[in-house]
C-alpha atoms as a PDB file:
ATOM      1  CA  MET A   1      22.159  17.689 115.559  1.00  0.00           C
ATOM      2  CA  GLU A   2      25.713  18.012 116.834  1.00  0.00           C
ATOM      3  CA  THR A   3      27.569  14.754 117.483  1.00  0.00           C
ATOM      4  CA  TYR A   4      30.279  14.181 120.070  1.00  0.00           C
ATOM      5  CA  PHE A   5      32.403  11.038 119.839  1.00  0.00           C
ATOM      6  CA  THR A   6      34.159   9.934 123.031  1.00  0.00           C
ATOM      7  CA  PHE A   7      37.091   8.434 121.105  1.00  0.00           C
ATOM      8  CA  PRO A   8      39.488   9.719 118.445  1.00  0.00           C
ATOM      9  CA  ASP A   9      38.558   9.640 114.777  1.00  0.00           C
ATOM     10  CA  GLY A  10      40.106   6.442 113.427  1.00  0.00           C
ATOM     11  CA  GLY A  11      41.656   5.729 116.821  1.00  0.00           C
ATOM     12  CA  LEU A  12      40.029   2.357 117.571  1.00  0.00           C
ATOM     13  CA  ARG A  13      39.638  -0.898 115.704  1.00  0.00           C
ATOM     14  CA  TYR A  14      38.125  -4.294 116.451  1.00  0.00           C
ATOM     15  CA  ASP A  15      38.092  -7.735 114.870  1.00  0.00           C
ATOM     16  CA  CYS A  16      35.080  -9.959 115.529  1.00  0.00           C
ATOM     17  CA  PRO A  17      36.429 -13.397 114.473  1.00  0.00           C
ATOM     18  CA  SER A  18      39.644 -13.077 116.484  1.00  0.00           C
ATOM     19  CA  CYS A  19      38.213 -11.883 119.825  1.00  0.00           C
ATOM     20  CA  GLY A  20      35.992 -14.864 120.604  1.00  0.00           C
ATOM     21  CA  GLN A  21      32.818 -12.870 119.844  1.00  0.00           C
ATOM     22  CA  ARG A  22      32.289 -11.753 123.437  1.00  0.00           C
ATOM     23  CA  CYS A  23      29.372  -9.507 122.479  1.00  0.00           C
ATOM     24  CA  CYS A  24      27.591 -12.412 120.759  1.00  0.00           C
ATOM     25  CA  ARG A  25      27.795 -14.986 123.525  1.00  0.00           C
ATOM     26  CA  GLY A  26      24.955 -15.352 125.969  1.00  0.00           C
ATOM     27  CA  LYS A  27      23.866 -11.718 126.154  1.00  0.00           C
ATOM     28  CA  GLY A  28      21.057 -11.636 123.604  1.00  0.00           C
ATOM     29  CA  PHE A  29      20.450  -8.572 121.493  1.00  0.00           C
ATOM     30  CA  ALA A  30      17.977  -5.720 121.231  1.00  0.00           C
ATOM     31  CA  LEU A  31      16.056  -4.605 118.183  1.00  0.00           C
ATOM     32  CA  GLY A  32      13.416  -2.071 117.268  1.00  0.00           C
ATOM     33  CA  ALA A  33       9.837  -2.799 116.269  1.00  0.00           C
ATOM     34  CA  ASP A  34      10.574  -2.042 112.620  1.00  0.00           C
ATOM     35  CA  GLU A  35      13.349  -4.643 112.681  1.00  0.00           C
ATOM     36  CA  LEU A  36      11.403  -7.416 114.416  1.00  0.00           C
ATOM     37  CA  ILE A  37       9.020  -8.597 111.678  1.00  0.00           C
ATOM     38  CA  PRO A  38      11.663  -8.735 108.909  1.00  0.00           C
ATOM     39  CA  LEU A  39      13.923 -10.719 111.236  1.00  0.00           C
ATOM     40  CA  LEU A  40      11.153 -13.171 112.134  1.00  0.00           C
ATOM     41  CA  ALA A  41      10.518 -13.745 108.439  1.00  0.00           C
ATOM     42  CA  ARG A  42      14.049 -15.130 108.202  1.00  0.00           C
ATOM     43  CA  ALA A  43      14.118 -16.771 111.643  1.00  0.00           C
ATOM     44  CA  PRO A  44      10.545 -17.618 112.787  1.00  0.00           C
ATOM     45  CA  MET A  45      11.846 -19.816 115.637  1.00  0.00           C
ATOM     46  CA  LEU A  46      12.935 -16.590 117.379  1.00  0.00           C
ATOM     47  CA  ALA A  47       9.337 -15.393 117.974  1.00  0.00           C
ATOM     48  CA  ALA A  48       8.885 -17.506 121.109  1.00  0.00           C
ATOM     49  CA  HIS A  49      11.972 -15.961 122.707  1.00  0.00           C
ATOM     50  CA  VAL A  50      11.416 -12.231 122.247  1.00  0.00           C
ATOM     51  CA  ASP A  51      10.430  -9.904 125.086  1.00  0.00           C
ATOM     52  CA  LEU A  52       9.026  -6.389 124.858  1.00  0.00           C
ATOM     53  CA  ARG A  53      11.208  -3.962 126.819  1.00  0.00           C
ATOM     54  CA  GLY A  54       9.031  -0.903 126.253  1.00  0.00           C
ATOM     55  CA  ASN A  55       9.245   2.154 123.997  1.00  0.00           C
ATOM     56  CA  GLY A  56       9.257  -0.043 120.907  1.00  0.00           C
ATOM     57  CA  VAL A  57      12.334  -2.020 121.955  1.00  0.00           C
ATOM     58  CA  TYR A  58      12.423  -5.823 121.858  1.00  0.00           C
ATOM     59  CA  ALA A  59      15.039  -8.213 123.249  1.00  0.00           C
ATOM     60  CA  ALA A  60      15.928 -11.622 121.867  1.00  0.00           C
ATOM     61  CA  VAL A  61      17.167 -14.129 124.435  1.00  0.00           C
ATOM     62  CA  ASP A  62      20.041 -16.480 123.633  1.00  0.00           C
ATOM     63  CA  LEU A  63      19.567 -20.162 124.443  1.00  0.00           C
ATOM     64  CA  ARG A  64      23.189 -21.229 124.118  1.00  0.00           C
ATOM     65  CA  ASP A  65      26.664 -19.815 124.511  1.00  0.00           C
ATOM     66  CA  GLY A  66      26.261 -17.747 121.398  1.00  0.00           C
ATOM     67  CA  CYS A  67      23.791 -15.702 119.417  1.00  0.00           C
ATOM     68  CA  TRP A  68      21.184 -17.409 117.264  1.00  0.00           C
ATOM     69  CA  PHE A  69      23.017 -16.080 114.238  1.00  0.00           C
ATOM     70  CA  LEU A  70      26.635 -16.631 115.254  1.00  0.00           C
ATOM     71  CA  ALA A  71      28.291 -18.734 112.560  1.00  0.00           C
ATOM     72  CA  GLY A  72      31.018 -21.262 113.233  1.00  0.00           C
ATOM     73  CA  ASP A  73      33.687 -18.986 111.783  1.00  0.00           C
ATOM     74  CA  GLY A  74      32.841 -16.202 114.229  1.00  0.00           C
ATOM     75  CA  ASN A  75      30.953 -14.061 111.740  1.00  0.00           C
ATOM     76  CA  CYS A  76      27.297 -13.007 111.779  1.00  0.00           C
ATOM     77  CA  ALA A  77      25.174 -15.248 109.563  1.00  0.00           C
ATOM     78  CA  ILE A  78      22.719 -12.412 108.898  1.00  0.00           C
ATOM     79  CA  GLU A  79      25.482 -10.177 107.561  1.00  0.00           C
ATOM     80  CA  VAL A  80      27.062 -12.964 105.511  1.00  0.00           C
ATOM     81  CA  GLU A  81      23.802 -14.197 103.970  1.00  0.00           C
ATOM     82  CA  HIS A  82      21.725 -11.026 103.728  1.00  0.00           C
ATOM     83  CA  GLY A  83      24.110  -8.079 104.041  1.00  0.00           C
ATOM     84  CA  ARG A  84      25.127  -5.737 106.832  1.00  0.00           C
ATOM     85  CA  ALA A  85      22.053  -3.509 106.363  1.00  0.00           C
ATOM     86  CA  LEU A  86      19.770  -6.277 107.650  1.00  0.00           C
ATOM     87  CA  LYS A  87      21.617  -6.824 110.926  1.00  0.00           C
ATOM     88  CA  PRO A  88      19.866  -5.492 114.052  1.00  0.00           C
ATOM     89  CA  SER A  89      20.893  -1.883 114.500  1.00  0.00           C
ATOM     90  CA  THR A  90      22.503  -2.426 117.893  1.00  0.00           C
ATOM     91  CA  CYS A  91      24.747  -5.086 116.299  1.00  0.00           C
ATOM     92  CA  ARG A  92      25.576  -2.875 113.321  1.00  0.00           C
ATOM     93  CA  LEU A  93      26.813  -0.131 115.619  1.00  0.00           C
ATOM     94  CA  PHE A  94      28.588  -2.297 118.189  1.00  0.00           C
ATOM     95  CA  PRO A  95      30.946  -1.529 119.928  1.00  0.00           C
ATOM     96  CA  PHE A  96      29.931   2.091 119.267  1.00  0.00           C
ATOM     97  CA  ASN A  97      26.284   1.487 120.169  1.00  0.00           C
ATOM     98  CA  ARG A  98      26.245   3.521 123.387  1.00  0.00           C
ATOM     99  CA  VAL A  99      24.355   6.423 121.819  1.00  0.00           C
ATOM    100  CA  TYR A 100      22.892   9.132 124.034  1.00  0.00           C
ATOM    101  CA  ARG A 101      21.188  12.475 123.662  1.00  0.00           C
ATOM    102  CA  LEU A 102      21.874  15.408 125.952  1.00  0.00           C
ATOM    103  CA  GLY A 103      20.005  18.500 124.871  1.00  0.00           C
ATOM    104  CA  GLY A 104      20.866  19.093 121.234  1.00  0.00           C
ATOM    105  CA  VAL A 105      23.944  16.853 121.335  1.00  0.00           C
ATOM    106  CA  ARG A 106      24.196  13.226 120.300  1.00  0.00           C
ATOM    107  CA  VAL A 107      26.969  11.411 122.194  1.00  0.00           C
ATOM    108  CA  VAL A 108      28.480   8.250 120.726  1.00  0.00           C
ATOM    109  CA  ASP A 109      30.454   6.210 123.250  1.00  0.00           C
ATOM    110  CA  VAL A 110      32.438   2.981 122.902  1.00  0.00           C
ATOM    111  CA  ASN A 111      31.764  -0.199 124.845  1.00  0.00           C
ATOM    112  CA  SER A 112      35.331  -0.933 125.908  1.00  0.00           C
ATOM    113  CA  VAL A 113      34.336  -3.484 128.557  1.00  0.00           C
ATOM    114  CA  ILE A 114      32.693  -6.124 126.379  1.00  0.00           C
ATOM    115  CA  CYS A 115      34.597  -5.420 123.172  1.00  0.00           C
ATOM    116  CA  PRO A 116      38.409  -5.695 123.218  1.00  0.00           C
ATOM    117  CA  VAL A 117      38.942  -2.630 121.044  1.00  0.00           C
ATOM    118  CA  GLU A 118      42.532  -1.832 120.181  1.00  0.00           C
ATOM    119  CA  ALA A 119      44.549   1.234 119.278  1.00  0.00           C
ATOM    120  CA  ALA A 120      44.451   1.806 115.538  1.00  0.00           C
ATOM    121  CA  GLY A 121      46.703   4.828 115.101  1.00  0.00           C
ATOM    122  CA  GLY A 122      44.246   6.649 112.849  1.00  0.00           C
ATOM    123  CA  SER A 123      43.387   3.675 110.629  1.00  0.00           C
ATOM    124  CA  GLY A 124      40.429   2.459 112.667  1.00  0.00           C
ATOM    125  CA  VAL A 125      36.708   3.199 112.564  1.00  0.00           C
ATOM    126  CA  ARG A 126      36.044   6.701 111.254  1.00  0.00           C
ATOM    127  CA  TRP A 127      33.489   9.113 112.613  1.00  0.00           C
ATOM    128  CA  ALA A 128      32.079   9.652 109.107  1.00  0.00           C
ATOM    129  CA  GLU A 129      31.402   5.930 108.808  1.00  0.00           C
ATOM    130  CA  LEU A 130      29.468   5.947 112.073  1.00  0.00           C
ATOM    131  CA  GLU A 131      27.605   9.122 111.079  1.00  0.00           C
ATOM    132  CA  ARG A 132      26.363   7.344 107.944  1.00  0.00           C
ATOM    133  CA  GLU A 133      25.305   4.334 109.992  1.00  0.00           C
ATOM    134  CA  LEU A 134      23.450   6.545 112.450  1.00  0.00           C
ATOM    135  CA  ALA A 135      21.735   8.438 109.639  1.00  0.00           C
ATOM    136  CA  SER A 136      20.465   5.152 108.197  1.00  0.00           C
ATOM    137  CA  LEU A 137      18.978   4.281 111.597  1.00  0.00           C
ATOM    138  CA  GLU A 138      17.370   7.647 112.314  1.00  0.00           C
ATOM    139  CA  GLY A 139      14.188   7.207 114.315  1.00  0.00           C
ATOM    140  CA  SER A 140      15.206   3.884 115.856  1.00  0.00           C
ATOM    141  CA  PRO A 141      14.137   3.595 119.515  1.00  0.00           C
ATOM    142  CA  LEU A 142      17.571   2.108 120.228  1.00  0.00           C
ATOM    143  CA  LEU A 143      19.314   5.398 119.491  1.00  0.00           C
ATOM    144  CA  ASP A 144      19.636   8.578 121.500  1.00  0.00           C
ATOM    145  CA  TRP A 145      18.821   7.332 124.973  1.00  0.00           C
ATOM    146  CA  PRO A 146      18.360  10.357 127.251  1.00  0.00           C
ATOM    147  CA  ALA A 147      21.584  10.917 129.134  1.00  0.00           C
ATOM    148  CA  HIS A 148      21.497  11.647 132.836  1.00  0.00           C
ATOM    149  CA  GLU A 149      21.959  15.381 133.380  1.00  0.00           C
ATOM    150  CA  PRO A 150      23.938  15.872 136.591  1.00  0.00           C
ATOM    151  CA  GLU A 151      23.203  18.606 139.090  1.00  0.00           C
ATOM    152  CA  GLY A 152      24.977  21.845 138.254  1.00  0.00           C
ATOM    153  CA  LEU A 153      25.800  20.889 134.658  1.00  0.00           C
ATOM    154  CA  SER A 154      27.697  23.669 132.900  1.00  0.00           C
ATOM    155  CA  ALA A 155      26.291  25.004 129.645  1.00  0.00           C
ATOM    156  CA  ALA A 156      29.835  24.703 128.312  1.00  0.00           C
ATOM    157  CA  TRP A 157      30.171  20.988 129.086  1.00  0.00           C
ATOM    158  CA  LEU A 158      30.693  19.989 125.461  1.00  0.00           C
ATOM    159  CA  THR A 159      33.492  22.523 125.017  1.00  0.00           C
ATOM    160  CA  VAL A 160      35.081  21.287 128.235  1.00  0.00           C
ATOM    161  CA  GLU A 161      34.977  17.671 127.067  1.00  0.00           C
ATOM    162  CA  ARG A 162      36.292  18.431 123.601  1.00  0.00           C
ATOM    163  CA  ASN A 163      39.146  20.422 125.106  1.00  0.00           C
ATOM    164  CA  ALA A 164      39.932  17.504 127.407  1.00  0.00           C
ATOM    165  CA  ALA A 165      39.914  15.092 124.461  1.00  0.00           C
ATOM    166  CA  GLU A 166      42.294  17.358 122.562  1.00  0.00           C
ATOM    167  CA  ALA A 167      44.577  17.569 125.589  1.00  0.00           C
ATOM    168  CA  ALA A 168      44.615  13.768 125.841  1.00  0.00           C
ATOM    169  CA  ALA A 169      45.580  13.497 122.175  1.00  0.00           C
ATOM    170  CA  ALA A 170      48.293  16.139 122.509  1.00  0.00           C
ATOM    171  CA  CYS A 171      49.740  14.892 125.812  1.00  0.00           C
ATOM    172  CA  GLY A 172      49.073  11.167 125.462  1.00  0.00           C
ATOM    173  CA  ASN A 173      52.675  10.196 126.178  1.00  0.00           C
ATOM    174  CA  SER A 174      52.951  12.284 129.336  1.00  0.00           C
ATOM    175  CA  PRO A 175      50.455  11.753 132.153  1.00  0.00           C
ATOM    176  CA  GLN A 176      51.908  14.740 133.987  1.00  0.00           C
ATOM    177  CA  ALA A 177      51.410  17.041 130.993  1.00  0.00           C
ATOM    178  CA  PHE A 178      47.871  15.731 130.557  1.00  0.00           C
ATOM    179  CA  ALA A 179      47.018  16.353 134.211  1.00  0.00           C
ATOM    180  CA  GLU A 180      48.490  19.843 134.036  1.00  0.00           C
ATOM    181  CA  ALA A 181      46.632  20.605 130.798  1.00  0.00           C
ATOM    182  CA  LEU A 182      43.401  19.839 132.675  1.00  0.00           C
ATOM    183  CA  GLY A 183      44.357  21.998 135.635  1.00  0.00           C
ATOM    184  CA  ASP A 184      45.987  19.601 138.112  1.00  0.00           C
ATOM    185  CA  ARG A 185      49.436  21.091 138.671  1.00  0.00           C
ATOM    186  CA  ALA A 186      50.065  19.296 141.960  1.00  0.00           C
ATOM    187  CA  SER A 187      49.724  15.746 140.694  1.00  0.00           C
ATOM    188  CA  GLU A 188      53.413  14.841 140.581  1.00  0.00           C
ATOM    189  CA  ALA A 189      53.926  15.533 144.277  1.00  0.00           C
ATOM    190  CA  ALA A 190      51.088  13.122 144.960  1.00  0.00           C
ATOM    191  CA  VAL A 191      52.549  10.532 142.585  1.00  0.00           C
ATOM    192  CA  GLU A 192      55.792  10.539 144.561  1.00  0.00           C
ATOM    193  CA  ALA A 193      53.807   9.645 147.677  1.00  0.00           C
ATOM    194  CA  TRP A 194      51.776   6.989 145.836  1.00  0.00           C
ATOM    195  CA  ALA A 195      55.021   5.363 144.673  1.00  0.00           C
ATOM    196  CA  ARG A 196      56.208   5.114 148.295  1.00  0.00           C
ATOM    197  CA  VAL A 197      52.973   3.497 149.419  1.00  0.00           C
ATOM    198  CA  TYR A 198      52.854   1.056 146.507  1.00  0.00           C
ATOM    199  CA  ASN A 199      56.543   0.132 146.725  1.00  0.00           C
ATOM    200  CA  ILE A 200      57.626   1.067 143.227  1.00  0.00           C
ATOM    201  CA  ALA A 201      60.807   2.908 142.362  1.00  0.00           C
ATOM    202  CA  ARG A 202      60.247   6.191 140.554  1.00  0.00           C
ATOM    203  CA  ASP A 203      62.404   5.180 137.572  1.00  0.00           C
ATOM    204  CA  GLU A 204      60.499   1.949 137.076  1.00  0.00           C
ATOM    205  CA  LEU A 205      57.204   3.766 137.507  1.00  0.00           C
ATOM    206  CA  ALA A 206      58.159   6.328 134.862  1.00  0.00           C
ATOM    207  CA  ALA A 207      59.052   3.581 132.401  1.00  0.00           C
ATOM    208  CA  ARG A 208      55.817   1.706 133.007  1.00  0.00           C
ATOM    209  CA  GLU A 209      53.761   4.875 132.749  1.00  0.00           C
ATOM    210  CA  ARG A 210      55.278   5.566 129.343  1.00  0.00           C
ATOM    211  CA  GLU A 211      53.903   2.172 128.291  1.00  0.00           C
ATOM    212  CA  VAL A 212      50.372   2.720 129.526  1.00  0.00           C
ATOM    213  CA  ALA A 213      49.795   6.481 129.155  1.00  0.00           C
ATOM    214  CA  PRO A 214      48.918   6.404 125.422  1.00  0.00           C
ATOM    215  CA  ARG A 215      46.273   3.768 126.083  1.00  0.00           C
ATOM    216  CA  VAL A 216      44.751   5.713 128.963  1.00  0.00           C
ATOM    217  CA  ALA A 217      44.693   8.821 126.783  1.00  0.00           C
ATOM    218  CA  LEU A 218      42.921   6.908 124.018  1.00  0.00           C
ATOM    219  CA  ILE A 219      39.874   6.159 126.160  1.00  0.00           C
ATOM    220  CA  ALA A 220      40.100   9.100 128.568  1.00  0.00           C
ATOM    221  CA  ALA A 221      37.209  10.961 126.938  1.00  0.00           C
ATOM    222  CA  SER A 222      34.984   7.888 127.230  1.00  0.00           C
ATOM    223  CA  LEU A 223      35.895   7.424 130.890  1.00  0.00           C
ATOM    224  CA  ARG A 224      35.198  11.110 131.541  1.00  0.00           C
ATOM    225  CA  TRP A 225      31.793  10.897 129.879  1.00  0.00           C
ATOM    226  CA  ASN A 226      30.769   7.890 131.936  1.00  0.00           C
ATOM    227  CA  SER A 227      31.972   9.499 135.157  1.00  0.00           C
ATOM    228  CA  LEU A 228      30.218  12.812 134.623  1.00  0.00           C
ATOM    229  CA  PHE A 229      26.938  11.591 133.178  1.00  0.00           C
ATOM    230  CA  HIS A 230      26.330   8.289 134.920  1.00  0.00           C
ATOM    231  CA  LYS A 231      22.997   8.286 136.739  1.00  0.00           C
ATOM    232  CA  GLU A 232      24.792   7.798 140.064  1.00  0.00           C
ATOM    233  CA  ALA A 233      27.357  10.537 139.441  1.00  0.00           C
ATOM    234  CA  GLY A 234      27.551  13.369 141.923  1.00  0.00           C
ATOM    235  CA  PRO A 235      27.153  17.059 141.146  1.00  0.00           C
ATOM    236  CA  TYR A 236      28.901  18.042 137.928  1.00  0.00           C
ATOM    237  CA  PRO A 237      31.304  20.637 139.422  1.00  0.00           C
ATOM    238  CA  ARG A 238      32.572  18.220 142.070  1.00  0.00           C
ATOM    239  CA  VAL A 239      33.073  15.282 139.688  1.00  0.00           C
ATOM    240  CA  LEU A 240      34.682  17.538 137.089  1.00  0.00           C
ATOM    241  CA  LEU A 241      37.123  18.947 139.649  1.00  0.00           C
ATOM    242  CA  ARG A 242      38.465  15.503 140.584  1.00  0.00           C
ATOM    243  CA  LEU A 243      38.628  14.010 137.093  1.00  0.00           C
ATOM    244  CA  PRO A 244      42.172  15.174 136.218  1.00  0.00           C
ATOM    245  CA  ARG A 245      43.587  13.574 139.367  1.00  0.00           C
ATOM    246  CA  ARG A 246      41.495  10.428 138.884  1.00  0.00           C
ATOM    247  CA  LEU A 247      42.852   9.999 135.365  1.00  0.00           C
ATOM    248  CA  ARG A 248      46.381  10.613 136.644  1.00  0.00           C
ATOM    249  CA  ALA A 249      45.766   7.959 139.297  1.00  0.00           C
ATOM    250  CA  LEU A 250      44.429   5.582 136.640  1.00  0.00           C
ATOM    251  CA  THR A 251      47.689   5.867 134.716  1.00  0.00           C
ATOM    252  CA  PHE A 252      49.539   5.107 137.946  1.00  0.00           C
ATOM    253  CA  LEU A 253      47.450   2.008 138.698  1.00  0.00           C
ATOM    254  CA  ALA A 254      47.721   0.853 135.090  1.00  0.00           C
ATOM    255  CA  ALA A 255      51.513   1.184 135.390  1.00  0.00           C
ATOM    256  CA  LEU A 256      51.425  -1.014 138.495  1.00  0.00           C
ATOM    257  CA  GLY A 257      49.345  -3.477 136.489  1.00  0.00           C
ATOM    258  CA  ALA A 258      51.919  -3.409 133.704  1.00  0.00           C
ATOM    259  CA  ARG A 259      54.573  -4.343 136.244  1.00  0.00           C
ATOM    260  CA  GLY A 260      52.411  -7.219 137.439  1.00  0.00           C
ATOM    261  CA  ILE A 261      51.523  -8.701 134.040  1.00  0.00           C
ATOM    262  CA  GLY A 262      54.697  -7.772 132.194  1.00  0.00           C
ATOM    263  CA  GLY A 263      53.166  -5.334 129.732  1.00  0.00           C
ATOM    264  CA  ALA A 264      50.567  -2.629 129.287  1.00  0.00           C
ATOM    265  CA  PRO A 265      46.982  -3.643 130.107  1.00  0.00           C
ATOM    266  CA  SER A 266      44.522  -3.749 127.237  1.00  0.00           C
ATOM    267  CA  LEU A 267      41.982  -0.982 126.749  1.00  0.00           C
ATOM    268  CA  ARG A 268      39.406  -3.309 128.254  1.00  0.00           C
ATOM    269  CA  GLY A 269      41.716  -3.913 131.218  1.00  0.00           C
ATOM    270  CA  ILE A 270      42.180  -0.183 131.757  1.00  0.00           C
ATOM    271  CA  THR A 271      38.416   0.300 131.681  1.00  0.00           C
ATOM    272  CA  GLU A 272      38.064  -2.493 134.235  1.00  0.00           C
ATOM    273  CA  LEU A 273      40.591  -0.699 136.444  1.00  0.00           C
ATOM    274  CA  TRP A 274      38.543   2.497 136.186  1.00  0.00           C
ATOM    275  CA  GLN A 275      35.389   0.684 137.244  1.00  0.00           C
ATOM    276  CA  GLY A 276      36.700  -2.047 139.535  1.00  0.00           C
ATOM    277  CA  GLN A 277      39.112   0.138 141.505  1.00  0.00           C
ATOM    278  CA  ALA A 278      36.894   3.195 141.712  1.00  0.00           C
ATOM    279  CA  ASP A 279      37.292   3.371 145.499  1.00  0.00           C
ATOM    280  CA  ALA A 280      41.093   3.317 145.297  1.00  0.00           C
ATOM    281  CA  LEU A 281      40.955   5.999 142.621  1.00  0.00           C
ATOM    282  CA  ASP A 282      38.798   8.077 144.971  1.00  0.00           C
ATOM    283  CA  VAL A 283      41.458   7.844 147.665  1.00  0.00           C
ATOM    284  CA  LEU A 284      44.240   8.844 145.274  1.00  0.00           C
ATOM    285  CA  ALA A 285      42.142  11.659 143.802  1.00  0.00           C
ATOM    286  CA  ARG A 286      41.433  13.074 147.266  1.00  0.00           C
ATOM    287  CA  TRP A 287      45.006  12.636 148.483  1.00  0.00           C
ATOM    288  CA  ASP A 288      45.545  16.321 149.256  1.00  0.00           C
ATOM    289  CA  GLU A 289      42.151  16.917 150.887  1.00  0.00           C
ATOM    290  CA  PRO A 290      41.977  17.391 154.693  1.00  0.00           C
ATOM    291  CA  VAL A 291      39.871  14.776 156.428  1.00  0.00           C
ATOM    292  CA  ARG A 292      36.741  15.791 158.305  1.00  0.00           C
ATOM    293  CA  VAL A 293      35.706  13.261 160.957  1.00  0.00           C
ATOM    294  CA  ALA A 294      32.304  13.654 162.603  1.00  0.00           C
ATOM    295  CA  GLY A 295      32.414  10.754 165.043  1.00  0.00           C
ATOM    296  CA  GLN A 296      34.421   7.760 166.248  1.00  0.00           C
ATOM    297  CA  SER A 297      32.297   4.832 165.088  1.00  0.00           C
ATOM    298  CA  PHE A 298      33.376   2.867 162.053  1.00  0.00           C
ATOM    299  CA  ASP A 299      32.811  -0.404 160.246  1.00  0.00           C
ATOM    300  CA  ALA A 300      35.644  -2.728 161.260  1.00  0.00           C
ATOM    301  CA  ASP A 301      34.878  -5.455 158.708  1.00  0.00           C
ATOM    302  CA  VAL A 302      38.526  -5.977 157.754  1.00  0.00           C
ATOM    303  CA  PRO A 303      40.890  -8.967 158.137  1.00  0.00           C
ATOM    304  CA  PRO A 304      42.223  -9.279 161.715  1.00  0.00           C
ATOM    305  CA  ASN A 305      45.814  -8.605 160.683  1.00  0.00           C
ATOM    306  CA  LEU A 306      44.748  -5.200 159.369  1.00  0.00           C
ATOM    307  CA  HIS A 307      42.774  -4.068 162.425  1.00  0.00           C
ATOM    308  CA  ALA A 308      45.757  -2.348 164.016  1.00  0.00           C
ATOM    309  CA  ALA A 309      46.610  -0.503 160.809  1.00  0.00           C
ATOM    310  CA  LEU A 310      43.026   0.663 160.426  1.00  0.00           C
ATOM    311  CA  GLY A 311      43.050   1.813 164.033  1.00  0.00           C
ATOM    312  CA  ARG A 312      46.153   3.927 163.393  1.00  0.00           C
ATOM    313  CA  LEU A 313      44.566   5.467 160.308  1.00  0.00           C
ATOM    314  CA  LEU A 314      41.402   6.424 162.173  1.00  0.00           C
ATOM    315  CA  ALA A 315      43.277   7.619 165.236  1.00  0.00           C
ATOM    316  CA  GLY A 316      45.222   9.999 163.032  1.00  0.00           C
ATOM    317  CA  ALA A 317      41.991  11.208 161.506  1.00  0.00           C
ATOM    318  CA  PHE A 318      40.421  11.889 164.901  1.00  0.00           C
ATOM    319  CA  ARG A 319      43.411  13.996 165.923  1.00  0.00           C
ATOM    320  CA  GLY A 320      42.675  16.270 162.977  1.00  0.00           C
ATOM    321  CA  GLY A 321      44.881  18.503 160.877  1.00  0.00           C
ATOM    322  CA  ARG A 322      45.802  15.743 158.395  1.00  0.00           C
ATOM    323  CA  THR A 323      45.236  15.197 154.733  1.00  0.00           C
ATOM    324  CA  LEU A 324      43.999  11.861 153.485  1.00  0.00           C
ATOM    325  CA  GLY A 325      47.377  11.199 151.894  1.00  0.00           C
ATOM    326  CA  GLN A 326      49.228  11.777 155.166  1.00  0.00           C
ATOM    327  CA  LEU A 327      46.962   9.302 156.919  1.00  0.00           C
ATOM    328  CA  VAL A 328      47.480   6.679 154.220  1.00  0.00           C
ATOM    329  CA  GLU A 329      51.251   7.082 154.294  1.00  0.00           C
ATOM    330  CA  GLU A 330      51.341   6.740 158.084  1.00  0.00           C
ATOM    331  CA  CYS A 331      49.108   3.691 157.890  1.00  0.00           C
ATOM    332  CA  ALA A 332      51.259   2.134 155.157  1.00  0.00           C
ATOM    333  CA  ALA A 333      54.424   2.683 157.191  1.00  0.00           C
ATOM    334  CA  SER A 334      52.969   0.490 159.945  1.00  0.00           C
ATOM    335  CA  LEU A 335      52.552  -2.477 157.583  1.00  0.00           C
ATOM    336  CA  PRO A 336      55.108  -4.933 156.180  1.00  0.00           C
ATOM    337  CA  ALA A 337      56.352  -3.787 152.788  1.00  0.00           C
ATOM    338  CA  PRO A 338      54.282  -6.261 150.702  1.00  0.00           C
ATOM    339  CA  GLU A 339      51.089  -5.166 152.493  1.00  0.00           C
ATOM    340  CA  ARG A 340      51.577  -1.402 152.309  1.00  0.00           C
ATOM    341  CA  PRO A 341      49.324  -0.878 149.263  1.00  0.00           C
ATOM    342  CA  LEU A 342      46.472  -2.229 151.413  1.00  0.00           C
ATOM    343  CA  ALA A 343      46.542   1.094 153.281  1.00  0.00           C
ATOM    344  CA  VAL A 344      44.760   2.590 150.258  1.00  0.00           C
ATOM    345  CA  ALA A 345      42.085  -0.094 150.442  1.00  0.00           C
ATOM    346  CA  LEU A 346      41.644   0.551 154.162  1.00  0.00           C
ATOM    347  CA  ALA A 347      41.187   4.263 153.520  1.00  0.00           C
ATOM    348  CA  ALA A 348      38.769   3.510 150.686  1.00  0.00           C
ATOM    349  CA  SER A 349      36.635   1.428 153.051  1.00  0.00           C
ATOM    350  CA  GLN A 350      36.379   4.402 155.433  1.00  0.00           C
ATOM    351  CA  LEU A 351      35.855   7.323 153.045  1.00  0.00           C
ATOM    352  CA  PRO A 352      32.345   8.135 154.356  1.00  0.00           C
ATOM    353  CA  THR A 353      33.813   8.305 157.882  1.00  0.00           C
ATOM    354  CA  LEU A 354      36.925  10.233 156.883  1.00  0.00           C
ATOM    355  CA  PHE A 355      34.920  12.892 155.025  1.00  0.00           C
ATOM    356  CA  ALA A 356      31.775  12.909 157.137  1.00  0.00           C
END
């Protein structure tokens, strides 16, 4: 079976004792039927707190702020006392335990939300190491979850994703070059407009983007995978078309974050941006698209001081002949400088109306 890793070979590292063991605190853990009985032999008190999840998968529930087997020094007591091979398979693979199957391809993804993985510059976890771990777990019900196959999936999807990963590695220091390598040659004109709306000088933005771009590039393939193959993703061609601009917008928002916190966000922070500001990313990704308004009703659940700005945005949409970006810029211009970025949030709240 062919394996696709959504992160560079040796590109990521993690350190369990130093991170506060986020994955081992209050979340429980899953294990397969073949792992359950041997584990109960060493920890019989666990039997009363195991649930069957179906398909041969069991889940152990934590009763405190920490796993049953979390030692005081932050290490796993099972691994220390009995060896790594006896740890539950999901724990052995973590944070690379997001393992899916799509056709004849096994996809190994990284959990960059729970685990604070870091850039390793080639000295991190190697693909060969994970391949050996996966081979030792062959047949486990915890591996190879069926991936969602989006409507219109291209037969060449794996080639497309590998090419994108190579482009990220080659252009990691230049978000513009990365966007252009993936086919978005108009991104920089949009970035100029974004900078006006978000009140950041182009020179400062460029400096901040140089800080964050390598980190975005490092997890770009993982973010792409989760966007394209999430069960709630739209049709493959449409999502694929907007991905280059979304990733360019992510670098932009991460640069704004770097300005706010005084340094580049962590990989976990960048992943949180991708998920938590998905609506804003949608607005920035669709910046050049003409709006299509079907009616004049809208949800006005916004703070009172923003009602007038929202009204201007929608009035411009009803007049027609505008792109989303033009509407956002006009809306932003009507707000005090500190509030101008809220024009993007207003547009995000009205996307179904603006593209009805």
